[in-house]
């Protein structure tokens, strides 16, 4: 009997014992094509020699030194590299152990920033429905995933949520893409005015929404208008790239494709590629400078922040991405994946939309393509797809509640950047088999 308190108390999981490129291997020898990188984490696959070697070398030199006393060469190098690659104005990096920690730090830093510059009345956060920003209480409050939030609602700080930028569901037939983007962006200004501009401190959004809605990208012009609104009212723009960043969309930072420089960016998942737990909060220089000129101390911290082993792994991951031109490869293989998905599901009676950027794609299931009506949530289609795919040797990331937290089903696909053409074919074929099997039950 296992004493692990896992994600679920039902069923027994196979034991993973090895990894080979895009595949995971269980104790029976069965191989699984990792079509989602776990949760968009394993961007280099499961057997990268450079990252393994970097970890061996680092553990021989230094495993851990508390950041209340020391910095370390790997952490300094990582911060320099991230700042050099980041959007304009980003000047500082706060290293943590994962995405939820990064978002939590962003929210607390936003609050302290306004305290330091003499605007203590600013404390409100605006985010979007059908978003996800992490599982710690502050991050969970910012997120708009109702299924995750509901039972913890009494513990959550009040956050208001506006419409997502979800073209498939939200754009009217007679509305241009540009007009749609401007319309939903305008909800931010309306909400700021309703709350009182002097009370709002931050707007939080994913440039490409991940697990909650299934690789939903912002339409062209949306984030630029959001940036303008934030600037107009003196509000910080926090972009959550925990899932969609670090090359997943074909750009190291997803917001670079949108031509936007936020005040803060949160990253994790692909930064460590699964080899070490690591995340980071990237910050505009003006925010750091305000703290430095004021109290001189960010009232926050974690024991394992800036961990030397984690930073060494992240540096190796960045080297793999840079030296092997993996961003170009993500765009190329992403186009091939999209084409394969469209060929297989473009006319499927129960696939309404295939979307995303780079190697970050979503397939939305519908009961009726013409009306876009979802399946009855009691059918639990997403869970059946996950089980059928796993049985077939494919790991993918299906979720329910795509539309409003209750209704809708989608499958998120986020394979390793090293995925080959034949493996794209394998992924799409096994996913097709799984979807058809789930629909027949």
Protein backbone atom coordinates (compact mmCIF):
# COMPACT_ATOMS: atom_id res chain seq x y z
CA UNK A 1 0.00 0.00 0.00
CA UNK A 2 1.31 3.44 -0.94
CA UNK A 3 1.57 6.18 1.69
CA UNK A 4 1.72 8.89 -0.97
CA UNK A 5 -1.07 11.48 -0.69
CA UNK A 6 -1.53 11.96 -4.42
CA UNK A 7 -3.75 14.10 -6.59
CA UNK A 8 -6.56 11.57 -6.38
CA UNK A 9 -7.51 8.88 -3.88
CA UNK A 10 -9.00 6.73 -6.65
CA UNK A 11 -7.11 4.25 -8.76
CA UNK A 12 -3.48 3.22 -8.84
CA UNK A 13 -0.93 4.94 -11.06
CA UNK A 14 1.77 3.13 -13.01
CA UNK A 15 5.33 3.79 -11.85
CA UNK A 16 7.52 5.83 -14.18
CA UNK A 17 11.05 4.43 -14.27
CA UNK A 18 12.69 6.04 -17.29
CA UNK A 19 12.59 8.56 -20.07
CA UNK A 20 13.76 8.45 -23.66
CA UNK A 21 13.41 11.65 -25.66
CA UNK A 22 9.69 12.32 -26.13
CA UNK A 23 8.72 9.11 -24.31
CA UNK A 24 8.20 8.06 -20.71
CA UNK A 25 8.58 4.42 -19.70
CA UNK A 26 6.75 2.64 -16.88
CA UNK A 27 7.83 -0.30 -14.73
CA UNK A 28 6.31 -2.81 -17.18
CA UNK A 29 8.33 -1.37 -20.06
CA UNK A 30 5.36 0.33 -21.71
CA UNK A 31 6.30 3.51 -23.58
CA UNK A 32 4.11 6.62 -23.58
CA UNK A 33 4.51 9.45 -26.07
CA UNK A 34 4.43 12.58 -23.90
CA UNK A 35 2.14 14.72 -26.01
CA UNK A 36 1.61 17.38 -23.34
CA UNK A 37 4.99 17.59 -21.63
CA UNK A 38 3.17 16.59 -18.45
CA UNK A 39 1.64 20.05 -18.05
CA UNK A 40 3.67 21.86 -20.74
CA UNK A 41 6.82 21.25 -18.69
CA UNK A 42 9.11 18.77 -20.46
CA UNK A 43 10.10 20.94 -23.41
CA UNK A 44 13.39 19.09 -24.02
CA UNK A 45 12.06 15.59 -23.53
CA UNK A 46 13.07 13.22 -20.76
CA UNK A 47 16.72 12.38 -21.44
CA UNK A 48 18.59 15.57 -22.29
CA UNK A 49 22.31 14.97 -21.86
CA UNK A 50 23.32 18.63 -21.42
CA UNK A 51 20.93 19.28 -18.55
CA UNK A 52 21.86 16.05 -16.81
CA UNK A 53 25.56 16.89 -17.08
CA UNK A 54 24.99 20.41 -15.77
CA UNK A 55 23.24 19.03 -12.69
CA UNK A 56 26.02 16.51 -12.02
CA UNK A 57 28.63 19.26 -12.29
CA UNK A 58 26.71 21.67 -10.08
CA UNK A 59 26.03 19.19 -7.28
CA UNK A 60 29.77 18.52 -7.07
CA UNK A 61 30.40 22.25 -6.55
CA UNK A 62 27.42 23.60 -4.59
CA UNK A 63 23.91 22.31 -4.02
CA UNK A 64 22.39 24.97 -1.78
CA UNK A 65 23.22 28.24 -0.07
CA UNK A 66 20.41 30.29 1.49
CA UNK A 67 19.80 33.53 -0.38
CA UNK A 68 19.55 35.44 2.89
CA UNK A 69 23.33 34.99 3.07
CA UNK A 70 24.68 34.26 -0.42
CA UNK A 71 24.07 34.57 -4.13
CA UNK A 72 25.49 31.98 -6.54
CA UNK A 73 27.06 31.98 -9.99
CA UNK A 74 24.28 29.90 -11.61
CA UNK A 75 21.58 32.23 -10.25
CA UNK A 76 23.45 35.35 -11.38
CA UNK A 77 24.03 33.88 -14.83
CA UNK A 78 20.39 32.88 -15.20
CA UNK A 79 19.14 36.33 -14.23
CA UNK A 80 21.51 37.97 -16.72
CA UNK A 81 20.37 35.68 -19.53
CA UNK A 82 16.68 36.15 -18.84
CA UNK A 83 16.98 39.94 -18.68
CA UNK A 84 18.97 40.00 -21.93
CA UNK A 85 16.22 38.08 -23.71
CA UNK A 86 13.20 39.70 -22.03
CA UNK A 87 10.92 42.45 -23.37
CA UNK A 88 12.02 46.05 -23.07
CA UNK A 89 12.36 47.44 -19.56
CA UNK A 90 12.64 44.13 -17.71
CA UNK A 91 15.69 44.51 -15.49
CA UNK A 92 15.40 42.20 -12.47
CA UNK A 93 14.66 38.52 -11.84
CA UNK A 94 13.21 37.05 -8.64
CA UNK A 95 13.89 33.29 -8.68
CA UNK A 96 11.40 30.91 -7.07
CA UNK A 97 10.48 27.23 -7.28
CA UNK A 98 7.39 27.20 -9.49
CA UNK A 99 4.58 29.04 -11.19
CA UNK A 100 2.26 29.56 -8.24
CA UNK A 101 5.14 31.03 -6.24
CA UNK A 102 5.97 33.37 -9.12
CA UNK A 103 2.40 34.68 -9.36
CA UNK A 104 2.11 35.00 -5.58
CA UNK A 105 5.32 37.04 -5.56
CA UNK A 106 4.02 39.24 -8.39
CA UNK A 107 0.83 40.10 -6.51
CA UNK A 108 2.65 40.89 -3.28
CA UNK A 109 5.28 42.94 -5.10
CA UNK A 110 2.57 44.92 -6.90
CA UNK A 111 1.03 45.80 -3.56
CA UNK A 112 4.34 46.73 -1.98
CA UNK A 113 5.30 48.81 -5.03
CA UNK A 114 2.29 51.06 -4.57
CA UNK A 115 2.94 51.29 -0.86
CA UNK A 116 6.51 52.37 -1.56
CA UNK A 117 5.48 55.09 -4.04
CA UNK A 118 2.79 56.53 -1.80
CA UNK A 119 -0.37 55.03 -3.33
CA UNK A 120 -1.55 52.68 -0.54
CA UNK A 121 -5.16 52.86 -1.75
CA UNK A 122 -4.27 50.63 -4.71
CA UNK A 123 -4.98 47.02 -3.81
CA UNK A 124 -7.51 45.61 -6.28
CA UNK A 125 -6.67 42.99 -8.89
CA UNK A 126 -8.53 42.46 -12.15
CA UNK A 127 -8.11 39.23 -14.12
CA UNK A 128 -10.15 37.21 -16.61
CA UNK A 129 -12.70 34.45 -16.43
CA UNK A 130 -11.46 31.06 -17.62
CA UNK A 131 -7.90 31.75 -16.57
CA UNK A 132 -5.55 29.95 -14.22
CA UNK A 133 -2.69 31.52 -12.28
CA UNK A 134 -1.77 28.93 -9.66
CA UNK A 135 -2.97 27.07 -6.59
CA UNK A 136 -1.68 29.18 -3.70
CA UNK A 137 -4.41 31.39 -2.28
CA UNK A 138 -3.35 34.66 -3.87
CA UNK A 139 -2.76 33.08 -7.27
CA UNK A 140 -5.98 31.08 -7.01
CA UNK A 141 -7.89 34.28 -6.24
CA UNK A 142 -6.46 35.94 -9.34
CA UNK A 143 -7.42 32.98 -11.51
CA UNK A 144 -10.84 32.64 -13.06
CA UNK A 145 -11.09 28.85 -13.04
CA UNK A 146 -14.35 28.40 -11.14
CA UNK A 147 -13.93 24.67 -10.61
CA UNK A 148 -10.63 25.23 -8.80
CA UNK A 149 -11.84 28.31 -6.91
CA UNK A 150 -15.31 27.39 -5.68
CA UNK A 151 -14.69 25.44 -2.47
CA UNK A 152 -11.92 27.81 -1.38
CA UNK A 153 -13.86 31.01 -2.13
CA UNK A 154 -14.17 32.08 1.55
CA UNK A 155 -10.37 32.11 1.80
CA UNK A 156 -9.72 34.14 -1.36
CA UNK A 157 -8.97 37.84 -1.64
CA UNK A 158 -11.64 39.58 -3.69
CA UNK A 159 -10.70 39.71 -7.38
CA UNK A 160 -12.91 40.81 -10.24
CA UNK A 161 -12.90 39.03 -13.58
CA UNK A 162 -13.68 40.30 -17.07
CA UNK A 163 -14.28 38.32 -20.25
CA UNK A 164 -11.47 36.25 -21.71
CA UNK A 165 -10.18 36.91 -25.23
CA UNK A 166 -11.73 33.72 -26.59
CA UNK A 167 -12.42 34.27 -30.27
CA UNK A 168 -14.09 30.92 -30.99
CA UNK A 169 -16.75 31.54 -28.35
CA UNK A 170 -16.84 35.32 -28.10
CA UNK A 171 -16.55 36.93 -31.52
CA UNK A 172 -19.80 37.73 -33.29
CA UNK A 173 -20.22 36.62 -36.92
CA UNK A 174 -20.41 40.22 -38.17
CA UNK A 175 -17.48 41.38 -36.03
CA UNK A 176 -13.90 41.65 -37.29
CA UNK A 177 -11.11 40.05 -35.28
CA UNK A 178 -9.68 43.50 -34.53
CA UNK A 179 -13.02 44.87 -33.37
CA UNK A 180 -13.59 41.84 -31.18
CA UNK A 181 -10.18 42.26 -29.52
CA UNK A 182 -10.81 45.94 -28.84
CA UNK A 183 -14.28 45.21 -27.49
CA UNK A 184 -13.17 42.67 -24.91
CA UNK A 185 -10.12 44.75 -24.01
CA UNK A 186 -12.52 47.61 -23.36
CA UNK A 187 -14.05 45.60 -20.53
CA UNK A 188 -10.85 46.24 -18.59
CA UNK A 189 -11.34 50.01 -18.75
CA UNK A 190 -15.00 49.65 -17.79
CA UNK A 191 -14.07 47.54 -14.77
CA UNK A 192 -11.35 49.96 -13.71
CA UNK A 193 -13.82 52.83 -13.82
CA UNK A 194 -16.43 50.80 -11.91
CA UNK A 195 -13.98 49.97 -9.13
CA UNK A 196 -12.33 53.38 -9.06
CA UNK A 197 -9.03 53.80 -10.93
CA UNK A 198 -7.23 54.92 -7.80
CA UNK A 199 -7.92 51.54 -6.13
CA UNK A 200 -6.70 49.16 -8.87
CA UNK A 201 -3.12 47.92 -8.74
CA UNK A 202 -2.84 45.21 -11.42
CA UNK A 203 -4.35 43.34 -14.34
CA UNK A 204 -3.24 39.72 -14.69
CA UNK A 205 -3.57 37.67 -17.89
CA UNK A 206 -2.08 34.76 -19.81
CA UNK A 207 -1.03 35.78 -23.37
CA UNK A 208 -2.12 32.28 -24.43
CA UNK A 209 -4.52 30.68 -21.95
CA UNK A 210 -3.32 27.22 -21.00
CA UNK A 211 -5.03 24.34 -19.25
CA UNK A 212 -8.28 26.09 -18.30
CA UNK A 213 -9.40 26.89 -21.85
CA UNK A 214 -6.99 24.96 -24.06
CA UNK A 215 -4.33 27.08 -25.80
CA UNK A 216 -6.48 30.15 -26.48
CA UNK A 217 -4.28 32.94 -27.89
CA UNK A 218 -5.05 36.62 -27.61
CA UNK A 219 -6.17 38.03 -30.96
CA UNK A 220 -3.95 40.58 -32.68
CA UNK A 221 -4.14 44.00 -31.07
CA UNK A 222 -5.80 42.85 -27.84
CA UNK A 223 -2.75 42.96 -25.56
CA UNK A 224 -1.52 46.23 -27.06
CA UNK A 225 -4.85 47.82 -26.15
CA UNK A 226 -4.64 46.27 -22.67
CA UNK A 227 -1.18 47.81 -22.28
CA UNK A 228 -2.54 51.24 -23.27
CA UNK A 229 -5.37 51.00 -20.73
CA UNK A 230 -3.01 49.98 -17.94
CA UNK A 231 -0.71 52.88 -18.77
CA UNK A 232 -3.61 55.33 -18.90
CA UNK A 233 -4.72 54.47 -15.38
CA UNK A 234 -1.31 53.78 -13.81
CA UNK A 235 -1.95 50.06 -13.36
CA UNK A 236 0.64 47.28 -13.51
CA UNK A 237 0.30 44.71 -16.30
CA UNK A 238 1.28 41.23 -15.10
CA UNK A 239 1.53 38.62 -17.84
CA UNK A 240 1.45 35.02 -16.67
CA UNK A 241 3.65 32.94 -18.98
CA UNK A 242 4.11 30.04 -16.59
CA UNK A 243 2.67 27.64 -19.17
CA UNK A 244 2.92 29.50 -22.48
CA UNK A 245 6.40 31.00 -22.02
CA UNK A 246 9.98 29.82 -22.38
CA UNK A 247 9.67 28.95 -26.06
CA UNK A 248 6.40 27.06 -25.96
CA UNK A 249 4.77 29.34 -28.56
CA UNK A 250 7.92 29.75 -30.66
CA UNK A 251 9.13 32.85 -28.81
CA UNK A 252 11.07 32.76 -25.56
CA UNK A 253 8.42 35.05 -24.09
CA UNK A 254 4.95 34.62 -25.57
CA UNK A 255 4.17 38.34 -25.28
CA UNK A 256 6.99 39.11 -27.73
CA UNK A 257 4.75 37.87 -30.55
CA UNK A 258 2.14 40.41 -29.42
CA UNK A 259 4.66 43.26 -29.29
CA UNK A 260 3.94 44.06 -25.64
CA UNK A 261 6.25 44.82 -22.72
CA UNK A 262 4.52 44.09 -19.39
CA UNK A 263 5.53 45.36 -15.98
CA UNK A 264 5.99 41.83 -14.68
CA UNK A 265 6.22 38.39 -16.29
CA UNK A 266 5.88 35.09 -14.45
CA UNK A 267 7.61 32.01 -15.86
CA UNK A 268 8.20 28.42 -14.71
CA UNK A 269 7.46 24.98 -16.25
CA UNK A 270 9.64 25.03 -19.39
CA UNK A 271 12.32 27.09 -17.62
CA UNK A 272 13.49 23.95 -15.84
CA UNK A 273 12.06 21.54 -18.44
CA UNK A 274 11.13 19.14 -15.65
CA UNK A 275 14.73 18.54 -14.59
CA UNK A 276 14.43 20.85 -11.58
CA UNK A 277 11.56 22.80 -9.97
CA UNK A 278 12.11 26.46 -10.82
CA UNK A 279 10.15 29.58 -11.62
CA UNK A 280 10.84 33.27 -11.86
CA UNK A 281 9.23 36.68 -11.63
CA UNK A 282 10.70 39.17 -14.10
CA UNK A 283 10.25 42.82 -13.17
CA UNK A 284 10.58 46.23 -14.79
CA UNK A 285 13.43 48.34 -13.46
CA UNK A 286 11.07 51.02 -12.14
CA UNK A 287 9.53 48.54 -9.69
CA UNK A 288 12.88 47.40 -8.33
CA UNK A 289 14.06 50.99 -8.13
CA UNK A 290 11.00 51.98 -6.07
CA UNK A 291 11.80 49.28 -3.50
CA UNK A 292 15.50 50.19 -3.52
CA UNK A 293 14.73 53.88 -2.98
CA UNK A 294 12.22 53.11 -0.22
CA UNK A 295 12.34 50.29 2.32
CA UNK A 296 15.08 48.44 0.44
CA UNK A 297 13.45 45.12 1.29
CA UNK A 298 10.81 43.04 -0.52
CA UNK A 299 8.75 41.57 2.31
CA UNK A 300 8.52 38.11 0.82
CA UNK A 301 10.70 35.03 0.38
CA UNK A 302 11.02 31.25 0.14
CA UNK A 303 13.70 28.92 1.46
CA UNK A 304 14.54 27.42 -1.91
CA UNK A 305 14.44 30.61 -4.00
CA UNK A 306 17.51 31.06 -6.20
CA UNK A 307 18.49 27.42 -5.68
CA UNK A 308 21.85 26.77 -7.35
CA UNK A 309 20.89 23.34 -8.73
CA UNK A 310 17.66 24.68 -10.20
CA UNK A 311 19.43 27.66 -11.75
CA UNK A 312 22.10 25.39 -13.24
CA UNK A 313 19.39 23.27 -14.88
CA UNK A 314 17.64 26.37 -16.24
CA UNK A 315 20.88 27.69 -17.71
CA UNK A 316 21.40 24.38 -19.49
CA UNK A 317 17.83 24.48 -20.79
CA UNK A 318 18.37 27.99 -22.20
CA UNK A 319 21.62 26.85 -23.81
CA UNK A 320 19.82 23.97 -25.51
CA UNK A 321 17.13 26.31 -26.80
CA UNK A 322 19.62 28.93 -28.04
CA UNK A 323 22.36 26.73 -29.50
CA UNK A 324 19.97 24.34 -31.27
CA UNK A 325 17.70 27.14 -32.54
CA UNK A 326 14.75 25.42 -30.91
CA UNK A 327 12.52 28.50 -31.15
CA UNK A 328 12.59 28.21 -34.93
CA UNK A 329 11.98 24.48 -34.58
CA UNK A 330 8.97 25.09 -32.32
CA UNK A 331 7.42 27.34 -34.96
CA UNK A 332 8.16 24.87 -37.75
CA UNK A 333 6.99 21.78 -35.89
CA UNK A 334 4.06 23.75 -34.50
CA UNK A 335 2.87 24.50 -38.02
CA UNK A 336 3.18 20.81 -38.88
CA UNK A 337 1.26 19.82 -35.75
CA UNK A 338 -1.50 22.31 -36.54
CA UNK A 339 -1.71 21.03 -40.12
CA UNK A 340 -1.88 17.41 -38.93
CA UNK A 341 -4.59 18.25 -36.38
CA UNK A 342 -6.58 20.14 -39.01
CA UNK A 343 -6.26 17.27 -41.48
CA UNK A 344 -7.49 14.78 -38.87
CA UNK A 345 -10.10 16.86 -37.07
CA UNK A 346 -10.94 19.78 -39.34
CA UNK A 347 -14.13 18.12 -40.50
CA UNK A 348 -14.72 15.94 -37.46
CA UNK A 349 -18.35 16.10 -36.40
CA UNK A 350 -17.42 16.76 -32.78
CA UNK A 351 -14.38 19.03 -33.05
CA UNK A 352 -15.28 22.70 -33.05
CA UNK A 353 -11.91 24.40 -32.97
CA UNK A 354 -8.20 23.63 -33.32
CA UNK A 355 -6.10 26.55 -32.09
CA UNK A 356 -2.91 27.74 -30.48
CA UNK A 357 0.62 28.89 -31.24
CA UNK A 358 3.83 26.96 -31.77
CA UNK A 359 3.83 23.62 -29.96
CA UNK A 360 0.94 24.73 -27.75
CA UNK A 361 -2.34 23.57 -29.31
CA UNK A 362 -5.89 22.97 -28.17
CA UNK A 363 -8.67 20.84 -29.63
CA UNK A 364 -12.16 21.81 -28.44
CA UNK A 365 -14.89 19.17 -28.51
CA UNK A 366 -18.52 20.03 -29.24
CA UNK A 367 -21.76 18.11 -29.42
CA UNK A 368 -22.78 20.12 -32.50
CA UNK A 369 -20.39 22.01 -34.78
CA UNK A 370 -23.03 24.37 -36.14
CA UNK A 371 -24.36 25.58 -32.80
CA UNK A 372 -21.07 25.05 -30.90
CA UNK A 373 -23.10 23.44 -28.12
CA UNK A 374 -20.90 21.48 -25.71
CA UNK A 375 -21.44 17.95 -24.50
CA UNK A 376 -23.36 17.38 -21.30
CA UNK A 377 -20.72 17.73 -18.56
CA UNK A 378 -22.05 14.58 -16.88
CA UNK A 379 -20.59 12.64 -19.81
CA UNK A 380 -17.08 13.61 -18.58
CA UNK A 381 -15.80 13.38 -22.12
CA UNK A 382 -12.43 14.90 -21.25
CA UNK A 383 -11.76 12.24 -18.62
CA UNK A 384 -12.67 9.46 -21.05
CA UNK A 385 -10.32 10.89 -23.66
CA UNK A 386 -7.48 11.06 -21.16
CA UNK A 387 -7.99 7.45 -20.13
CA UNK A 388 -8.29 6.17 -23.68
CA UNK A 389 -5.21 8.07 -24.80
CA UNK A 390 -3.16 6.81 -21.86
CA UNK A 391 -4.22 3.25 -22.63
CA UNK A 392 -3.06 3.80 -26.20
CA UNK A 393 0.32 5.07 -25.01
CA UNK A 394 -0.28 8.81 -25.34
CA UNK A 395 -0.08 11.42 -22.59
CA UNK A 396 -2.27 14.44 -23.33
CA UNK A 397 -3.99 17.07 -21.16
CA UNK A 398 -7.79 17.03 -21.50
CA UNK A 399 -9.89 19.29 -19.29
CA UNK A 400 -13.55 20.03 -18.71
CA UNK A 401 -15.33 23.31 -18.00
CA UNK A 402 -13.71 24.96 -21.01
CA UNK A 403 -16.46 27.52 -21.53
CA UNK A 404 -17.53 28.57 -18.05
CA UNK A 405 -15.98 26.20 -15.54
CA UNK A 406 -18.76 23.65 -15.96
CA UNK A 407 -19.50 23.19 -19.65
CA UNK A 408 -17.13 22.31 -22.46
CA UNK A 409 -14.29 19.87 -23.13
CA UNK A 410 -10.90 20.33 -24.73
CA UNK A 411 -7.56 18.58 -25.12
CA UNK A 412 -4.33 20.54 -24.59
CA UNK A 413 -1.29 19.38 -26.57
CA UNK A 414 2.23 20.57 -25.70
CA UNK A 415 4.89 18.10 -26.82
CA UNK A 416 8.65 18.49 -26.45
CA UNK A 417 10.39 20.93 -28.77
CA UNK A 418 12.40 18.00 -30.15
CA UNK A 419 9.35 16.15 -31.46
CA UNK A 420 9.93 14.53 -34.87
CA UNK A 421 7.53 14.42 -37.81
CA UNK A 422 6.81 10.73 -37.26
CA UNK A 423 5.98 11.43 -33.62
CA UNK A 424 3.55 14.17 -34.65
CA UNK A 425 1.81 11.56 -36.78
CA UNK A 426 1.80 9.14 -33.85
CA UNK A 427 0.39 11.79 -31.52
CA UNK A 428 -2.46 12.77 -33.84
CA UNK A 429 -3.29 9.16 -34.70
CA UNK A 430 -3.46 8.07 -31.06
CA UNK A 431 -5.43 11.16 -30.10
CA UNK A 432 -7.93 10.44 -32.87
CA UNK A 433 -8.33 6.87 -31.64
CA UNK A 434 -8.82 8.10 -28.08
CA UNK A 435 -11.42 10.71 -29.03
CA UNK A 436 -13.42 8.26 -31.12
CA UNK A 437 -13.32 5.67 -28.37
CA UNK A 438 -14.43 8.20 -25.75
CA UNK A 439 -17.29 9.38 -27.94
CA UNK A 440 -18.51 5.83 -28.42
CA UNK A 441 -18.82 5.10 -24.71
